[in-house]
Protein backbone atom coordinates (compact mmCIF):
# COMPACT_ATOMS: atom_id res chain seq x y z
CA MET A 1 124.59 115.32 92.73
CA ILE A 2 122.75 113.86 95.71
CA GLU A 3 121.83 115.86 98.80
CA GLN A 4 120.14 114.75 102.01
CA VAL A 5 117.55 117.34 103.02
CA GLN A 6 114.49 117.76 105.25
CA VAL A 7 111.01 118.30 103.82
CA LEU A 8 107.96 118.67 106.09
CA GLY A 9 110.23 117.70 108.98
CA GLN A 10 111.02 114.35 107.33
CA PRO A 11 114.22 113.00 105.74
CA ALA A 12 114.33 113.45 101.99
CA VAL A 13 116.80 113.13 99.13
CA ARG A 14 117.34 115.75 96.42
CA LEU A 15 118.91 114.73 93.11
CA ARG A 16 120.32 117.26 90.67
CA GLY A 17 121.54 116.37 87.20
CA ALA A 18 124.44 117.98 85.36
CA ASP A 19 121.91 119.82 83.18
CA GLY A 20 120.24 121.39 86.24
CA ALA A 21 117.13 119.18 86.35
CA GLN A 22 116.28 118.26 89.92
CA ALA A 23 113.79 116.24 91.97
CA THR A 24 113.18 115.75 95.68
CA VAL A 25 111.73 112.59 97.20
CA LEU A 26 110.52 111.96 100.76
CA LEU A 27 111.48 108.67 102.36
CA HIS A 28 108.05 108.89 103.98
CA GLY A 29 105.82 107.26 101.40
CA GLY A 30 108.59 107.13 98.79
CA GLN A 31 106.91 110.29 97.58
CA LEU A 32 108.29 112.67 95.00
CA VAL A 33 107.43 116.19 96.19
CA SER A 34 109.32 118.32 93.67
CA TRP A 35 110.39 118.17 90.03
CA VAL A 36 112.07 121.09 88.30
CA PRO A 37 113.05 120.29 84.70
CA ALA A 38 116.31 121.77 83.39
CA GLY A 39 115.91 125.53 82.95
CA ASP A 40 112.24 125.33 83.87
CA VAL A 41 109.95 125.89 86.87
CA GLU A 42 108.43 123.61 89.51
CA ARG A 43 105.99 121.19 87.86
CA LEU A 44 104.58 119.27 90.85
CA TYR A 45 102.10 120.77 93.30
CA LEU A 46 102.78 120.38 97.04
CA SER A 47 100.29 121.90 99.44
CA PRO A 48 101.80 124.56 101.73
CA GLN A 49 99.68 122.97 104.48
CA ALA A 50 100.84 119.41 103.80
CA VAL A 51 101.89 117.33 106.80
CA ALA A 52 104.02 114.20 107.00
CA GLY A 53 104.43 111.67 109.75
CA ALA A 54 103.52 108.18 110.88
CA GLY A 55 100.24 107.13 109.28
CA GLN A 56 99.79 110.48 107.50
CA ALA A 57 99.48 110.97 103.74
CA VAL A 58 101.21 113.98 102.18
CA ARG A 59 99.00 116.25 100.07
CA GLY A 60 100.80 116.76 96.78
CA GLY A 61 103.71 115.48 94.75
CA ILE A 62 103.35 111.88 93.56
CA PRO A 63 101.90 109.63 96.30
CA VAL A 64 102.32 105.90 95.65
CA ILE A 65 98.93 104.16 95.86
CA PHE A 66 99.46 100.47 96.69
CA PRO A 67 98.09 97.81 97.16
CA GLN A 68 94.57 99.25 96.99
CA PHE A 69 93.08 102.17 95.09
CA GLU A 70 90.64 104.34 97.06
CA ARG A 71 88.18 102.25 99.11
CA ARG A 72 87.95 99.43 96.58
CA GLY A 73 88.75 96.76 99.14
CA SER A 74 89.15 96.17 102.86
CA LEU A 75 92.41 98.09 103.37
CA PRO A 76 92.78 101.71 104.52
CA ARG A 77 91.95 104.19 101.76
CA HIS A 78 94.61 104.07 99.03
CA GLY A 79 96.48 101.27 100.81
CA PHE A 80 99.52 101.72 103.01
CA ALA A 81 102.52 102.49 100.77
CA ARG A 82 102.03 106.28 100.92
CA THR A 83 102.22 106.33 104.72
CA ARG A 84 105.15 103.92 105.25
CA ALA A 85 108.86 104.67 105.47
CA TRP A 86 110.72 103.61 102.31
CA GLN A 87 114.41 102.73 102.13
CA TRP A 88 116.74 104.78 99.96
CA VAL A 89 118.64 102.33 97.72
CA GLU A 90 120.88 104.25 95.32
CA ALA A 91 121.46 107.13 92.94
CA SER A 92 123.27 106.85 89.64
CA GLN A 93 124.07 108.71 86.43
CA ARG A 94 123.92 106.95 83.08
CA GLY A 95 123.75 108.37 79.60
CA GLY A 96 122.95 111.87 80.77
CA ALA A 97 120.12 110.72 83.07
CA THR A 98 120.14 110.95 86.86
CA THR A 99 118.26 108.16 88.61
CA GLY A 100 117.11 107.50 92.18
CA VAL A 101 115.70 104.27 93.61
CA LEU A 102 113.70 103.56 96.80
CA ARG A 103 112.34 100.28 98.16
CA LEU A 104 109.47 99.10 100.36
CA THR A 105 109.14 95.52 101.59
CA ASP A 106 106.54 93.74 103.66
CA ASP A 107 106.85 93.50 107.43
CA ASP A 108 104.66 92.49 110.36
CA ALA A 109 102.64 95.71 110.14
CA THR A 110 101.87 95.40 106.40
CA ARG A 111 101.09 91.67 106.68
CA ALA A 112 98.62 92.43 109.46
CA LEU A 113 96.71 94.50 106.89
CA TRP A 114 97.51 92.55 103.72
CA PRO A 115 98.81 88.99 104.20
CA HIS A 116 101.32 88.95 101.33
CA ARG A 117 105.06 89.16 100.91
CA PHE A 118 106.26 91.68 98.36
CA GLU A 119 109.01 94.04 97.33
CA ALA A 120 108.13 97.38 95.75
CA GLU A 121 110.66 99.67 94.10
CA LEU A 122 110.09 103.23 93.01
CA SER A 123 112.63 104.68 90.61
CA PHE A 124 112.72 108.09 88.99
CA SER A 125 114.96 109.31 86.21
CA LEU A 126 115.70 112.92 85.23
CA ALA A 127 117.11 114.17 81.94
CA GLY A 128 116.54 117.68 80.61
CA LEU A 129 112.83 118.41 80.44
CA ARG A 130 111.79 114.78 81.05
CA MET A 131 111.11 112.69 84.14
CA ASP A 132 110.22 108.99 84.21
CA VAL A 133 108.67 107.48 87.35
CA GLU A 134 108.53 103.69 87.59
CA LEU A 135 106.83 101.45 90.15
CA ALA A 136 107.87 97.79 90.20
CA VAL A 137 106.30 95.12 92.42
CA VAL A 138 107.62 91.58 92.97
CA ASN A 139 105.67 88.81 94.67
CA THR A 140 108.29 87.41 97.07
CA GLY A 141 105.86 85.01 98.76
CA ASP A 142 104.62 81.49 98.05
CA GLU A 143 101.02 82.41 97.18
CA PRO A 144 99.51 84.45 94.32
CA LEU A 145 98.56 88.04 95.09
CA ALA A 146 96.47 90.75 93.44
CA PHE A 147 96.52 94.51 93.87
CA THR A 148 95.42 97.83 92.43
CA ALA A 149 97.82 100.76 92.26
CA ALA A 150 98.33 104.32 91.06
CA LEU A 151 100.82 107.15 90.90
CA HIS A 152 98.59 109.92 92.32
CA THR A 153 100.38 112.73 90.46
CA TYR A 154 99.58 116.33 91.46
CA LEU A 155 100.58 118.57 88.55
CA ARG A 156 101.04 122.28 89.23
CA CYS A 157 98.77 124.73 87.40
CA ASP A 158 98.66 128.51 87.35
CA ASP A 159 94.85 128.25 87.32
CA VAL A 160 93.19 124.91 86.58
CA ARG A 161 90.24 126.79 85.08
CA ARG A 162 92.55 127.81 82.24
CA ALA A 163 94.20 124.39 81.88
CA ARG A 164 93.34 122.02 79.04
CA LEU A 165 93.93 118.24 79.00
CA SER A 166 93.99 116.50 75.61
CA GLY A 167 94.13 112.85 74.55
CA LEU A 168 91.13 111.19 76.19
CA TYR A 169 88.54 111.60 73.43
CA GLY A 170 86.31 108.53 73.10
CA THR A 171 87.68 106.89 76.26
CA ARG A 172 85.22 105.13 78.57
CA TYR A 173 85.12 106.47 82.10
CA ILE A 174 83.24 106.25 85.37
CA ASP A 175 82.28 109.55 86.93
CA SER A 176 82.95 108.85 90.61
CA LEU A 177 80.76 111.81 91.58
CA SER A 178 77.61 110.52 89.88
CA GLY A 179 78.44 106.82 89.51
CA GLN A 180 77.57 107.02 85.81
CA GLU A 181 79.60 105.45 83.02
CA GLN A 182 80.19 107.58 79.93
CA ARG A 183 82.62 108.19 77.09
CA GLN A 184 84.71 111.31 76.76
CA GLU A 185 83.11 113.60 74.19
CA ILE A 186 85.20 116.75 74.74
CA ASP A 187 88.82 117.19 73.72
CA PRO A 188 90.60 119.10 75.06
CA GLN A 189 88.97 118.88 78.48
CA GLY A 190 88.53 122.07 80.50
CA PHE A 191 87.94 122.37 84.24
CA SER A 192 85.57 124.56 86.23
CA GLY A 193 85.28 122.75 89.57
CA GLU A 194 85.29 119.31 91.15
CA ILE A 195 86.12 116.37 88.89
CA ASP A 196 86.74 112.72 89.78
CA ARG A 197 86.89 110.30 86.85
CA ILE A 198 88.47 106.92 86.19
CA TYR A 199 89.28 106.46 82.50
CA PHE A 200 89.69 102.81 81.50
CA ASP A 201 92.10 101.43 78.91
CA ALA A 202 93.56 104.89 78.44
CA ARG A 203 97.01 104.21 77.04
CA GLU A 204 97.47 107.07 74.55
CA PRO A 205 99.75 110.01 75.40
CA LEU A 206 98.11 113.03 77.01
CA SER A 207 98.94 116.71 76.74
CA LEU A 208 98.35 119.21 79.54
CA ALA A 209 98.45 122.90 78.59
CA THR A 210 98.91 125.52 81.32
CA ALA A 211 100.57 128.93 81.57
CA PHE A 212 103.77 127.06 82.47
CA GLY A 213 103.75 125.46 79.02
CA ARG A 214 102.61 122.23 77.42
CA MET A 215 103.45 118.94 79.09
CA THR A 216 103.28 115.48 77.51
CA ILE A 217 102.21 112.62 79.81
CA GLU A 218 102.75 108.97 78.86
CA GLN A 219 102.35 105.67 80.68
CA GLU A 220 103.18 101.99 80.30
CA GLY A 221 101.96 99.06 82.39
CA PHE A 222 99.19 101.20 83.90
CA ASP A 223 95.94 100.63 81.99
CA ASP A 224 93.85 103.44 83.45
CA ILE A 225 93.99 107.18 84.17
CA VAL A 226 92.37 109.09 87.01
CA VAL A 227 91.65 112.80 86.62
CA TRP A 228 90.86 114.52 89.93
CA ASN A 229 90.45 117.95 91.42
CA PRO A 230 88.51 118.63 94.65
CA GLY A 231 86.90 121.86 93.47
CA PRO A 232 86.18 124.77 95.85
CA GLN A 233 83.78 123.09 98.27
CA LYS A 234 85.83 119.97 98.98
CA ALA A 235 89.05 121.98 99.07
CA ALA A 236 87.54 124.11 101.85
CA ALA A 237 86.86 120.94 103.82
CA LEU A 238 90.43 119.61 103.53
CA ALA A 239 92.61 120.68 106.47
CA ASP A 240 95.85 120.16 104.53
CA LEU A 241 94.86 122.23 101.48
CA PRO A 242 94.37 126.02 101.35
CA ASP A 243 90.83 126.87 100.27
CA GLU A 244 91.87 128.50 96.99
CA ASP A 245 94.60 126.03 96.07
CA TRP A 246 92.20 123.77 94.17
CA THR A 247 92.97 126.15 91.30
CA GLN A 248 96.71 125.45 91.57
CA MET A 249 96.70 121.71 90.81
CA LEU A 250 95.30 118.90 88.70
CA CYS A 251 95.80 115.21 89.43
CA VAL A 252 96.49 113.10 86.34
CA GLU A 253 97.15 109.65 87.75
CA ALA A 254 98.51 106.54 86.06
CA ALA A 255 96.54 103.64 87.54
CA CYS A 256 95.59 99.97 87.44
CA ILE A 257 92.01 99.86 88.73
CA GLY A 258 89.64 98.15 86.28
CA ARG A 259 91.79 95.01 86.07
CA PRO A 260 93.75 94.33 89.26
CA VAL A 261 97.33 93.18 88.74
CA LYS A 262 97.73 89.46 89.51
CA LEU A 263 101.17 88.11 90.35
CA ALA A 264 102.23 84.51 90.76
CA PRO A 265 105.01 83.77 93.26
CA GLY A 266 108.29 85.19 91.98
CA SER A 267 106.60 87.30 89.28
CA GLU A 268 107.11 91.03 88.73
CA TRP A 269 104.91 93.86 87.45
CA VAL A 270 106.21 97.22 86.26
CA GLY A 271 104.26 100.42 85.59
CA ARG A 272 105.67 103.75 84.41
CA GLN A 273 104.49 107.34 84.05
CA ALA A 274 106.61 109.82 82.09
CA PHE A 275 106.43 113.61 81.81
CA GLU A 276 108.10 115.93 79.33
CA ALA A 277 107.82 119.70 79.70
């Protein structure tokens, strides 16, 4: 079942499978803002103070970071995909899974920032307690291009201080707060405040334990993982996040940062992040 709805004053599409699993995606940013597995509870965090509109990024859900991660380049922070209007393409049901597809293509505004022709598709598939989110990028121009990207997933927690993330033991990471490079020595990882780490070559499945249950997180095509939470001080400085809501979320992001994706003309790259509650 497909339903056109409004979220944050913006057009959105809600998909509901025969088993009751449902997800809602904003056309603004091509951003998933809700995922409720079949018979389960909301698993994505969306700030109650989030705003959406031209040039604005939505705090929560799964923002699409493309074609630049953070400020690692000359583009606006995290690129432009999360603040552009995406086109709804289709919904379908196959083999018990319900799938939605959105598309973003270059135009004069994107080429003024990033002089490349491209087509990006975001697809998400729901079945029972599982959701797969896939980002595909095609170089539709005549010149090679390179980009970094991420699915900036905000996962809902009852209290992040009680959450535990497993599966990163021994993985090399850069602590973006200190600038130091280290290897993960704790597993599972607990959280007590601000954290901002880029884990490189992190391809093993992860497990996030919260009061809502244990969730498995997998990825393909994305080489890296970002783990982020603003902590109390930075949360208080964010206008679109309630001061105490840093305890209600943890970002576990599938990313390509350490090795930018390079595409020859006509080539395609595909990255996927999957969740199972």
